[in-house]
Every structure is written in C-alpha cells, then in structure tokens.
N, C-alpha and C. Protein backbone atom coordinates (compact mmCIF):
# COMPACT_ATOMS: atom_id res chain seq x y z
N MET A 1 104.92 108.44 111.34
CA MET A 1 105.45 107.15 111.00
C MET A 1 106.95 107.17 111.30
N ASP A 2 107.44 106.14 111.99
CA ASP A 2 108.87 106.10 112.31
C ASP A 2 109.67 105.60 111.10
N GLU A 3 110.99 105.66 111.22
CA GLU A 3 111.88 105.32 110.11
C GLU A 3 111.73 103.87 109.68
N PHE A 4 111.52 102.98 110.63
CA PHE A 4 111.37 101.57 110.29
C PHE A 4 110.07 101.32 109.53
N THR A 5 108.99 101.87 110.02
CA THR A 5 107.71 101.69 109.35
C THR A 5 107.77 102.29 107.94
N GLY A 6 108.39 103.44 107.81
CA GLY A 6 108.53 104.06 106.49
C GLY A 6 109.29 103.16 105.53
N ALA A 7 110.40 102.60 105.98
CA ALA A 7 111.19 101.71 105.12
C ALA A 7 110.42 100.44 104.79
N GLU A 8 109.71 99.88 105.77
CA GLU A 8 108.92 98.66 105.51
C GLU A 8 107.80 98.93 104.51
N ARG A 9 107.14 100.07 104.63
CA ARG A 9 106.07 100.40 103.68
C ARG A 9 106.63 100.68 102.29
N ALA A 10 107.81 101.32 102.24
CA ALA A 10 108.44 101.57 100.95
C ALA A 10 108.82 100.24 100.27
N LEU A 11 109.33 99.31 101.07
CA LEU A 11 109.69 97.99 100.52
C LEU A 11 108.44 97.28 100.01
N ALA A 12 107.36 97.33 100.76
CA ALA A 12 106.11 96.68 100.33
C ALA A 12 105.61 97.29 99.02
N ALA A 13 105.69 98.60 98.90
CA ALA A 13 105.24 99.27 97.67
C ALA A 13 106.13 98.86 96.49
N LEU A 14 107.43 98.82 96.74
CA LEU A 14 108.37 98.40 95.68
C LEU A 14 108.08 96.97 95.26
N ARG A 15 107.90 96.09 96.23
CA ARG A 15 107.65 94.69 95.90
C ARG A 15 106.36 94.53 95.08
N ASN A 16 105.35 95.33 95.38
CA ASN A 16 104.13 95.29 94.57
C ASN A 16 104.39 95.70 93.13
N VAL A 17 105.27 96.66 92.94
CA VAL A 17 105.59 97.12 91.60
C VAL A 17 106.32 96.04 90.80
N VAL A 18 107.26 95.35 91.44
CA VAL A 18 108.10 94.41 90.69
C VAL A 18 107.62 92.96 90.73
N GLN A 19 106.43 92.73 91.29
CA GLN A 19 105.87 91.38 91.28
C GLN A 19 105.58 90.97 89.84
N ALA A 20 105.83 89.71 89.57
CA ALA A 20 105.49 89.11 88.29
C ALA A 20 106.11 89.84 87.10
N VAL A 21 107.35 90.26 87.27
CA VAL A 21 108.08 90.86 86.16
C VAL A 21 108.61 89.72 85.29
N GLY A 22 108.31 89.80 84.00
CA GLY A 22 108.76 88.77 83.07
C GLY A 22 110.12 89.10 82.49
N ASP A 23 110.71 88.13 81.82
CA ASP A 23 112.01 88.34 81.20
C ASP A 23 112.02 89.50 80.22
N ASP A 24 110.89 89.68 79.50
CA ASP A 24 110.82 90.79 78.55
C ASP A 24 110.83 92.14 79.24
N ASP A 25 110.39 92.18 80.49
CA ASP A 25 110.35 93.44 81.25
C ASP A 25 111.72 93.88 81.75
N LEU A 26 112.65 92.95 81.92
CA LEU A 26 113.92 93.26 82.53
C LEU A 26 114.74 94.28 81.76
N HIS A 27 114.50 94.40 80.48
CA HIS A 27 115.29 95.30 79.65
C HIS A 27 114.53 96.59 79.29
N ARG A 28 113.42 96.83 79.93
CA ARG A 28 112.72 98.10 79.73
C ARG A 28 113.57 99.22 80.32
N LEU A 29 113.64 100.30 79.60
CA LEU A 29 114.35 101.46 80.12
C LEU A 29 113.59 102.09 81.27
N THR A 30 114.31 102.67 82.18
CA THR A 30 113.73 103.36 83.32
C THR A 30 114.00 104.85 83.15
N PRO A 31 113.43 105.69 84.00
CA PRO A 31 113.75 107.11 83.94
C PRO A 31 115.21 107.43 84.26
N CYS A 32 115.94 106.46 84.79
CA CYS A 32 117.39 106.61 85.02
C CYS A 32 118.07 106.16 83.73
N PRO A 33 118.59 107.08 82.94
CA PRO A 33 119.03 106.76 81.58
C PRO A 33 120.02 105.62 81.47
N ALA A 34 120.85 105.41 82.45
CA ALA A 34 121.86 104.36 82.36
C ALA A 34 121.35 102.98 82.80
N TYR A 35 120.10 102.90 83.25
CA TYR A 35 119.61 101.66 83.83
C TYR A 35 118.33 101.15 83.18
N ASP A 36 118.33 99.85 82.85
CA ASP A 36 117.09 99.20 82.54
C ASP A 36 116.54 98.63 83.85
N VAL A 37 115.43 97.92 83.80
CA VAL A 37 114.80 97.40 85.02
C VAL A 37 115.77 96.49 85.79
N ALA A 38 116.44 95.58 85.10
CA ALA A 38 117.36 94.66 85.78
C ALA A 38 118.52 95.41 86.42
N ALA A 39 119.13 96.33 85.68
CA ALA A 39 120.29 97.08 86.20
C ALA A 39 119.89 98.00 87.37
N LEU A 40 118.71 98.62 87.27
CA LEU A 40 118.27 99.49 88.37
C LEU A 40 118.00 98.68 89.64
N THR A 41 117.44 97.49 89.47
CA THR A 41 117.24 96.62 90.63
C THR A 41 118.57 96.23 91.26
N ASP A 42 119.54 95.89 90.42
CA ASP A 42 120.88 95.56 90.94
C ASP A 42 121.47 96.76 91.68
N HIS A 43 121.34 97.95 91.10
CA HIS A 43 121.85 99.18 91.72
C HIS A 43 121.18 99.41 93.08
N LEU A 44 119.88 99.25 93.13
CA LEU A 44 119.14 99.45 94.38
C LEU A 44 119.61 98.46 95.45
N ILE A 45 119.76 97.20 95.08
CA ILE A 45 120.21 96.18 96.04
C ILE A 45 121.63 96.48 96.51
N ALA A 46 122.48 96.95 95.61
CA ALA A 46 123.86 97.30 96.01
C ALA A 46 123.85 98.50 96.96
N THR A 47 122.98 99.46 96.73
CA THR A 47 122.89 100.61 97.63
C THR A 47 122.41 100.19 99.01
N VAL A 48 121.43 99.32 99.05
CA VAL A 48 120.93 98.80 100.32
C VAL A 48 122.05 98.08 101.06
N ALA A 49 122.80 97.25 100.35
CA ALA A 49 123.92 96.54 100.96
C ALA A 49 124.98 97.53 101.46
N GLY A 50 125.22 98.59 100.72
CA GLY A 50 126.18 99.61 101.14
C GLY A 50 125.74 100.34 102.39
N LEU A 51 124.45 100.66 102.46
CA LEU A 51 123.93 101.30 103.68
C LEU A 51 124.06 100.37 104.87
N GLY A 52 123.73 99.10 104.65
CA GLY A 52 123.86 98.12 105.73
C GLY A 52 125.31 98.01 106.18
N ALA A 53 126.22 97.90 105.23
CA ALA A 53 127.65 97.80 105.57
C ALA A 53 128.12 99.02 106.34
N ALA A 54 127.65 100.20 105.95
CA ALA A 54 128.03 101.44 106.66
C ALA A 54 127.57 101.40 108.11
N ALA A 55 126.48 100.69 108.36
CA ALA A 55 125.97 100.58 109.73
C ALA A 55 126.49 99.33 110.43
N GLY A 56 127.42 98.60 109.77
CA GLY A 56 127.96 97.39 110.37
C GLY A 56 127.02 96.21 110.29
N ILE A 57 126.10 96.26 109.36
CA ILE A 57 125.11 95.19 109.21
C ILE A 57 125.42 94.41 107.93
N PRO A 58 125.81 93.14 108.06
CA PRO A 58 126.08 92.37 106.85
C PRO A 58 124.79 92.11 106.09
N SER A 59 124.88 92.19 104.80
CA SER A 59 123.72 91.95 103.95
C SER A 59 123.98 90.71 103.11
N PRO A 60 123.16 89.67 103.29
CA PRO A 60 123.38 88.46 102.50
C PRO A 60 123.10 88.73 101.02
N ALA A 61 123.69 87.93 100.18
CA ALA A 61 123.41 88.04 98.74
C ALA A 61 121.93 87.75 98.51
N PRO A 62 121.28 88.57 97.67
CA PRO A 62 119.86 88.32 97.40
C PRO A 62 119.68 86.93 96.79
N ARG A 63 118.58 86.29 97.16
CA ARG A 63 118.30 84.94 96.66
C ARG A 63 117.16 84.99 95.66
N GLY A 64 117.23 84.09 94.70
CA GLY A 64 116.15 83.93 93.74
C GLY A 64 116.26 84.88 92.57
N ASP A 65 115.44 84.61 91.60
CA ASP A 65 115.44 85.44 90.40
C ASP A 65 114.34 86.50 90.42
N ALA A 66 113.24 86.24 91.13
CA ALA A 66 112.14 87.18 91.14
C ALA A 66 112.57 88.48 91.82
N LEU A 67 112.32 89.60 91.17
CA LEU A 67 112.78 90.88 91.70
C LEU A 67 112.20 91.19 93.07
N ASP A 68 110.93 90.87 93.30
CA ASP A 68 110.34 91.17 94.61
C ASP A 68 111.01 90.35 95.71
N HIS A 69 111.39 89.11 95.42
CA HIS A 69 112.08 88.28 96.43
C HIS A 69 113.50 88.80 96.65
N ARG A 70 114.18 89.21 95.58
CA ARG A 70 115.53 89.74 95.73
C ARG A 70 115.50 90.99 96.61
N ALA A 71 114.52 91.85 96.38
CA ALA A 71 114.41 93.08 97.19
C ALA A 71 114.17 92.73 98.65
N GLN A 72 113.27 91.82 98.91
CA GLN A 72 112.96 91.41 100.29
C GLN A 72 114.20 90.85 100.98
N HIS A 73 114.94 89.98 100.28
CA HIS A 73 116.11 89.34 100.88
C HIS A 73 117.28 90.31 101.05
N ALA A 74 117.26 91.43 100.34
CA ALA A 74 118.31 92.44 100.52
C ALA A 74 117.93 93.41 101.63
N VAL A 75 116.70 93.88 101.64
CA VAL A 75 116.27 94.92 102.57
C VAL A 75 115.93 94.34 103.95
N GLY A 76 115.26 93.21 104.00
CA GLY A 76 114.81 92.63 105.27
C GLY A 76 115.91 92.50 106.31
N PRO A 77 117.05 91.88 105.98
CA PRO A 77 118.14 91.74 106.97
C PRO A 77 118.73 93.10 107.39
N VAL A 78 118.78 94.05 106.49
CA VAL A 78 119.31 95.37 106.86
C VAL A 78 118.38 96.04 107.86
N LEU A 79 117.08 95.98 107.61
CA LEU A 79 116.13 96.56 108.56
C LEU A 79 116.19 95.85 109.91
N ALA A 80 116.26 94.52 109.88
CA ALA A 80 116.35 93.76 111.14
C ALA A 80 117.62 94.12 111.91
N GLY A 81 118.73 94.22 111.20
CA GLY A 81 119.98 94.60 111.84
C GLY A 81 119.94 96.00 112.40
N TRP A 82 119.29 96.91 111.68
CA TRP A 82 119.20 98.29 112.17
C TRP A 82 118.29 98.39 113.39
N ARG A 83 117.27 97.55 113.44
CA ARG A 83 116.42 97.50 114.64
C ARG A 83 117.25 97.08 115.85
N ARG A 84 118.09 96.07 115.67
CA ARG A 84 118.96 95.62 116.77
C ARG A 84 119.98 96.71 117.13
N ARG A 85 120.52 97.35 116.16
CA ARG A 85 121.53 98.40 116.34
C ARG A 85 120.96 99.62 117.03
N GLY A 86 119.74 99.98 116.66
CA GLY A 86 119.12 101.20 117.18
C GLY A 86 119.46 102.40 116.31
N LEU A 87 118.92 103.52 116.70
CA LEU A 87 119.07 104.73 115.90
C LEU A 87 119.78 105.86 116.65
N THR A 88 120.71 105.49 117.51
CA THR A 88 121.37 106.52 118.32
C THR A 88 122.80 106.80 117.89
N GLY A 89 123.30 106.09 116.89
CA GLY A 89 124.66 106.29 116.44
C GLY A 89 124.75 107.08 115.15
N VAL A 90 125.91 106.95 114.52
CA VAL A 90 126.14 107.59 113.23
C VAL A 90 126.76 106.57 112.30
N VAL A 91 126.63 106.84 111.00
CA VAL A 91 127.27 106.01 109.97
C VAL A 91 128.00 106.92 109.00
N PHE A 92 129.02 106.38 108.38
CA PHE A 92 129.73 107.09 107.34
C PHE A 92 129.32 106.46 106.02
N PHE A 93 128.60 107.23 105.20
CA PHE A 93 128.05 106.70 103.94
C PHE A 93 128.19 107.75 102.86
N SER A 94 128.68 107.34 101.73
CA SER A 94 128.79 108.20 100.56
C SER A 94 129.54 109.49 100.86
N GLY A 95 130.61 109.34 101.63
CA GLY A 95 131.47 110.48 101.92
C GLY A 95 131.01 111.40 103.02
N ARG A 96 129.95 111.02 103.74
CA ARG A 96 129.41 111.88 104.79
C ARG A 96 129.11 111.09 106.05
N THR A 97 129.25 111.74 107.20
CA THR A 97 128.83 111.15 108.45
C THR A 97 127.38 111.57 108.69
N LEU A 98 126.52 110.58 108.89
CA LEU A 98 125.09 110.83 109.05
C LEU A 98 124.57 110.17 110.33
N PRO A 99 123.62 110.82 111.01
CA PRO A 99 122.96 110.15 112.12
C PRO A 99 122.20 108.93 111.58
N ASP A 100 122.10 107.90 112.40
CA ASP A 100 121.39 106.69 112.00
C ASP A 100 120.02 106.97 111.40
N ARG A 101 119.26 107.83 112.02
CA ARG A 101 117.91 108.12 111.54
C ARG A 101 117.93 108.63 110.10
N LEU A 102 118.86 109.49 109.79
CA LEU A 102 118.95 110.03 108.43
C LEU A 102 119.45 108.99 107.46
N ALA A 103 120.43 108.17 107.89
CA ALA A 103 120.93 107.11 107.03
C ALA A 103 119.83 106.09 106.72
N LEU A 104 119.04 105.74 107.72
CA LEU A 104 117.93 104.82 107.48
C LEU A 104 116.88 105.49 106.58
N GLY A 105 116.76 106.80 106.70
CA GLY A 105 115.87 107.54 105.79
C GLY A 105 116.32 107.45 104.35
N ILE A 106 117.64 107.37 104.13
CA ILE A 106 118.14 107.20 102.75
C ILE A 106 117.65 105.89 102.18
N LEU A 107 117.53 104.87 103.01
CA LEU A 107 116.98 103.60 102.56
C LEU A 107 115.56 103.80 102.03
N SER A 108 114.74 104.51 102.78
CA SER A 108 113.38 104.78 102.31
C SER A 108 113.39 105.61 101.04
N LEU A 109 114.27 106.61 100.99
CA LEU A 109 114.38 107.45 99.79
C LEU A 109 114.71 106.60 98.57
N GLU A 110 115.68 105.73 98.71
CA GLU A 110 116.06 104.86 97.60
C GLU A 110 114.90 103.95 97.18
N LEU A 111 114.24 103.35 98.15
CA LEU A 111 113.15 102.43 97.82
C LEU A 111 111.99 103.15 97.15
N VAL A 112 111.63 104.33 97.63
CA VAL A 112 110.49 105.04 97.06
C VAL A 112 110.82 105.59 95.68
N VAL A 113 111.96 106.28 95.56
CA VAL A 113 112.29 106.93 94.29
C VAL A 113 112.59 105.88 93.21
N HIS A 114 113.36 104.86 93.55
CA HIS A 114 113.61 103.83 92.54
C HIS A 114 112.38 102.94 92.34
N GLY A 115 111.54 102.84 93.34
CA GLY A 115 110.24 102.18 93.14
C GLY A 115 109.42 102.93 92.12
N TRP A 116 109.44 104.27 92.19
CA TRP A 116 108.75 105.09 91.19
C TRP A 116 109.35 104.88 89.81
N ASP A 117 110.71 104.86 89.74
CA ASP A 117 111.38 104.63 88.46
C ASP A 117 110.92 103.30 87.84
N LEU A 118 110.88 102.27 88.67
CA LEU A 118 110.49 100.95 88.19
C LEU A 118 109.01 100.93 87.81
N ALA A 119 108.19 101.63 88.57
CA ALA A 119 106.75 101.69 88.24
C ALA A 119 106.55 102.36 86.89
N VAL A 120 107.30 103.42 86.61
CA VAL A 120 107.19 104.08 85.30
C VAL A 120 107.60 103.11 84.20
N ALA A 121 108.73 102.44 84.39
CA ALA A 121 109.23 101.52 83.35
C ALA A 121 108.26 100.37 83.10
N LEU A 122 107.61 99.92 84.16
CA LEU A 122 106.74 98.73 84.06
C LEU A 122 105.27 99.08 83.87
N HIS A 123 104.96 100.39 83.76
CA HIS A 123 103.59 100.84 83.58
C HIS A 123 102.69 100.42 84.73
N ARG A 124 103.23 100.59 85.93
CA ARG A 124 102.49 100.21 87.13
C ARG A 124 102.42 101.42 88.06
N ARG A 125 101.66 101.25 89.10
CA ARG A 125 101.46 102.33 90.07
C ARG A 125 102.25 102.02 91.33
N LEU A 126 102.92 103.04 91.86
CA LEU A 126 103.60 102.91 93.14
C LEU A 126 102.65 103.42 94.21
N ASP A 127 102.21 102.56 95.09
CA ASP A 127 101.24 102.92 96.12
C ASP A 127 101.94 103.45 97.36
N ILE A 128 102.11 104.75 97.39
CA ILE A 128 102.72 105.44 98.53
C ILE A 128 101.73 106.54 98.95
N SER A 129 101.43 106.60 100.22
CA SER A 129 100.51 107.62 100.70
C SER A 129 101.16 109.00 100.62
N ASP A 130 100.34 110.02 100.58
CA ASP A 130 100.87 111.39 100.57
C ASP A 130 101.71 111.65 101.81
N ALA A 131 101.27 111.17 102.97
CA ALA A 131 102.02 111.38 104.20
C ALA A 131 103.40 110.72 104.14
N HIS A 132 103.44 109.52 103.57
CA HIS A 132 104.71 108.80 103.44
C HIS A 132 105.62 109.53 102.46
N ALA A 133 105.09 109.93 101.31
CA ALA A 133 105.89 110.67 100.32
C ALA A 133 106.39 111.98 100.91
N GLU A 134 105.56 112.64 101.71
CA GLU A 134 105.96 113.89 102.36
C GLU A 134 107.10 113.66 103.33
N GLN A 135 107.02 112.57 104.09
CA GLN A 135 108.09 112.23 105.02
C GLN A 135 109.40 111.97 104.28
N VAL A 136 109.33 111.20 103.19
CA VAL A 136 110.54 110.89 102.43
C VAL A 136 111.09 112.15 101.75
N LEU A 137 110.21 113.03 101.30
CA LEU A 137 110.65 114.31 100.72
C LEU A 137 111.42 115.11 101.77
N GLY A 138 110.93 115.14 102.99
CA GLY A 138 111.65 115.83 104.06
C GLY A 138 113.04 115.25 104.28
N LEU A 139 113.15 113.92 104.21
CA LEU A 139 114.46 113.28 104.34
C LEU A 139 115.35 113.63 103.17
N ALA A 140 114.77 113.62 101.97
CA ALA A 140 115.54 113.98 100.78
C ALA A 140 116.08 115.39 100.88
N GLN A 141 115.27 116.29 101.39
CA GLN A 141 115.70 117.69 101.51
C GLN A 141 116.83 117.84 102.54
N GLN A 142 116.91 116.92 103.48
CA GLN A 142 118.01 116.94 104.46
C GLN A 142 119.28 116.29 103.93
N THR A 143 119.15 115.36 102.99
CA THR A 143 120.31 114.59 102.56
C THR A 143 120.86 114.97 101.20
N LEU A 144 120.02 115.44 100.30
CA LEU A 144 120.49 115.75 98.95
C LEU A 144 120.99 117.18 98.85
N THR A 145 122.29 117.31 98.84
CA THR A 145 122.92 118.60 98.60
C THR A 145 123.44 118.58 97.16
N GLU A 146 123.94 119.71 96.71
CA GLU A 146 124.52 119.76 95.38
C GLU A 146 125.65 118.74 95.23
N GLU A 147 126.46 118.63 96.27
CA GLU A 147 127.58 117.68 96.24
C GLU A 147 127.09 116.23 96.27
N SER A 148 126.13 115.93 97.15
CA SER A 148 125.66 114.55 97.23
C SER A 148 124.88 114.15 95.99
N ARG A 149 124.22 115.10 95.35
CA ARG A 149 123.54 114.80 94.08
C ARG A 149 124.56 114.31 93.04
N ALA A 150 125.71 114.98 92.98
CA ALA A 150 126.73 114.60 92.01
C ALA A 150 127.27 113.19 92.32
N VAL A 151 127.50 112.91 93.60
CA VAL A 151 128.03 111.60 93.99
C VAL A 151 126.99 110.50 93.76
N ALA A 152 125.75 110.77 94.12
CA ALA A 152 124.69 109.74 94.05
C ALA A 152 124.04 109.67 92.69
N GLY A 153 124.29 110.61 91.81
CA GLY A 153 123.71 110.57 90.48
C GLY A 153 122.32 111.15 90.36
N PHE A 154 121.95 112.03 91.30
CA PHE A 154 120.65 112.68 91.19
C PHE A 154 120.80 113.97 90.39
N ASP A 155 119.91 114.21 89.46
CA ASP A 155 119.90 115.44 88.69
C ASP A 155 119.36 116.58 89.54
N PRO A 156 119.53 117.83 89.08
CA PRO A 156 118.95 118.96 89.81
C PRO A 156 117.42 118.84 89.87
N PRO A 157 116.80 119.50 90.83
CA PRO A 157 115.34 119.43 90.94
C PRO A 157 114.63 119.92 89.68
N VAL A 158 113.48 119.34 89.44
CA VAL A 158 112.62 119.71 88.32
C VAL A 158 111.48 120.55 88.89
N PRO A 159 111.12 121.68 88.27
CA PRO A 159 110.02 122.47 88.79
C PRO A 159 108.69 121.71 88.71
N VAL A 160 107.85 121.95 89.69
CA VAL A 160 106.50 121.39 89.68
C VAL A 160 105.51 122.51 89.96
N PRO A 161 104.29 122.38 89.48
CA PRO A 161 103.30 123.41 89.71
C PRO A 161 102.87 123.48 91.18
N ASP A 162 102.39 124.63 91.58
CA ASP A 162 101.82 124.75 92.92
C ASP A 162 100.71 123.72 93.06
N GLY A 163 100.62 123.14 94.22
CA GLY A 163 99.58 122.16 94.47
C GLY A 163 99.93 120.76 94.02
N ALA A 164 101.15 120.52 93.54
CA ALA A 164 101.55 119.17 93.13
C ALA A 164 101.52 118.26 94.34
N GLY A 165 101.19 117.00 94.11
CA GLY A 165 101.14 116.02 95.18
C GLY A 165 102.52 115.72 95.76
N ALA A 166 102.55 115.09 96.90
CA ALA A 166 103.81 114.84 97.61
C ALA A 166 104.74 113.92 96.81
N LEU A 167 104.21 112.89 96.18
CA LEU A 167 105.07 112.00 95.40
C LEU A 167 105.64 112.74 94.19
N ASP A 168 104.83 113.54 93.54
CA ASP A 168 105.33 114.34 92.41
C ASP A 168 106.44 115.29 92.87
N ARG A 169 106.24 115.93 94.02
CA ARG A 169 107.27 116.85 94.52
C ARG A 169 108.54 116.09 94.89
N LEU A 170 108.39 114.88 95.44
CA LEU A 170 109.56 114.06 95.80
C LEU A 170 110.35 113.68 94.56
N VAL A 171 109.70 113.11 93.56
CA VAL A 171 110.44 112.69 92.38
C VAL A 171 111.03 113.88 91.65
N ALA A 172 110.32 115.01 91.64
CA ALA A 172 110.85 116.22 91.02
C ALA A 172 112.08 116.72 91.77
N PHE A 173 112.05 116.64 93.10
CA PHE A 173 113.19 117.05 93.91
C PHE A 173 114.42 116.20 93.60
N THR A 174 114.19 114.94 93.21
CA THR A 174 115.31 114.05 92.89
C THR A 174 115.70 114.12 91.42
N GLY A 175 115.16 115.10 90.69
CA GLY A 175 115.57 115.33 89.31
C GLY A 175 114.79 114.59 88.26
N ARG A 176 113.63 114.08 88.61
CA ARG A 176 112.80 113.34 87.66
C ARG A 176 111.57 114.15 87.29
N ASP A 177 111.09 113.93 86.08
CA ASP A 177 109.88 114.59 85.62
C ASP A 177 108.69 113.78 86.12
N PRO A 178 107.93 114.31 87.08
CA PRO A 178 106.83 113.52 87.65
C PRO A 178 105.73 113.20 86.62
N HIS A 179 105.69 113.91 85.52
CA HIS A 179 104.66 113.64 84.50
C HIS A 179 105.10 112.55 83.53
N LEU A 180 106.32 112.09 83.66
CA LEU A 180 106.81 111.04 82.78
C LEU A 180 105.93 109.82 82.84
N ARG A 181 105.42 109.52 84.02
CA ARG A 181 104.60 108.31 84.14
C ARG A 181 103.33 108.40 83.31
N LEU A 182 102.91 109.62 82.96
CA LEU A 182 101.71 109.78 82.17
C LEU A 182 101.96 109.51 80.70
N SER A 183 103.18 109.74 80.24
CA SER A 183 103.46 109.58 78.81
C SER A 183 104.39 108.43 78.51
N TRP A 184 104.98 107.83 79.53
CA TRP A 184 106.00 106.81 79.30
C TRP A 184 105.41 105.55 78.70
N GLY A 185 104.18 105.20 79.08
CA GLY A 185 103.58 103.92 78.68
C GLY A 185 103.71 103.58 77.23
N SER A 186 103.28 104.43 76.31
CA SER A 186 103.31 104.06 74.91
C SER A 186 104.66 104.26 74.26
N SER A 187 105.55 104.98 74.94
CA SER A 187 106.84 105.24 74.33
C SER A 187 107.98 104.52 75.02
N ALA A 188 107.68 103.62 75.94
CA ALA A 188 108.76 102.90 76.62
C ALA A 188 109.54 102.12 75.57
N ARG A 189 110.85 102.22 75.69
CA ARG A 189 111.72 101.55 74.70
C ARG A 189 112.43 100.40 75.40
N THR A 190 112.79 99.47 74.61
CA THR A 190 113.65 98.41 75.10
C THR A 190 114.89 98.39 74.22
N PRO A 191 116.05 98.13 74.82
CA PRO A 191 117.27 98.14 74.01
C PRO A 191 117.31 96.99 73.03
C-alpha cells in the first residue's frame, strides 16, 4: 500500500470512529491524559495542518461541528496538495528534516494512533488491517526517536507479549497500553 492509500484508509477508519459523536461524548477522557475527545480532535487537526504547512500546503480551517467532517476537511486538502507536490522532496517538521514519504507517513501515524485513542474513549472499534498497522508501525519505528518522543509527547514503548497483533504493537510502540481498550469501557471518566 502506498503512502497516499495508507493515509486515506487511516482517515476513513478515523471518520468511522468519530461518526455520530454526541455532545456528551466530547468530554470523555482519552488514553492521552491531557486530552478529552474534543481536545484530541483539535490536536490532531492542528498536527495535520502543521504537516501540510511544512510541505507548503495550506490547510483550510475545518468546517462544521461533526468530528468526522472536521477531520475530512482538514486531511483531504493536505492529501490532495501532497499528491500535486509529489514525494520526491523533503520537509522540515518538528525540528527535523524528513523525506516527503516519511513526513506523509507521520500523517498516517497520527490518524491511526489518535484514531485508536478516540476509539478507546468512545468504546468503538478502529478498523485497521494488520497489514496497514504493520506499515504504520514501520513508519513509527523510523520516525519516533527518544528525542522526537519528548517533542511529540509520546511515552516510551510499552512491552507486549510475543504474538501480539500489529495494531497492539503499534499502539504499544507509541507508549499506550494496547489492553486499555478492553477495560476502558466501564471505567471511562468524564471531567
């Protein structure tokens, strides 16, 4: 799967998670301790806009209140602009110079991992294939260093058992407990 297809599939999976989110859901805590659902969505959209800006792609302000529409209106123009730009250059993002392919991979990483965070908070499933999660894990392993974890707010990796699925290994690599989704449902708190 190429970088564009990966990002498009990650966006579709995220949009499925955040469809029909009600006002009561916006303040559910996520696995990111500083963010509820609304704040994490804002953070994700700001990161997408930052990646676009790093590639010289203007990102329009997200339109509408529905989270799935806001995500589409933020990510869609960045992907379209990157398609026009191509993947042969470099971008300066988060203190590092990255090849376009890797920078676009960060977009997929953000969409999948924060999609998982939102799925946990909303008691929903993030539909990502093992192959897709494996591809994003490979990108994460190329981009997340000890220094970039500190800048981007990723915790150290969490151990997983042998034979763990690709999505579990991905979220664990980004410092999340992949089993959280199994126990979060009844203990989800709202501020």
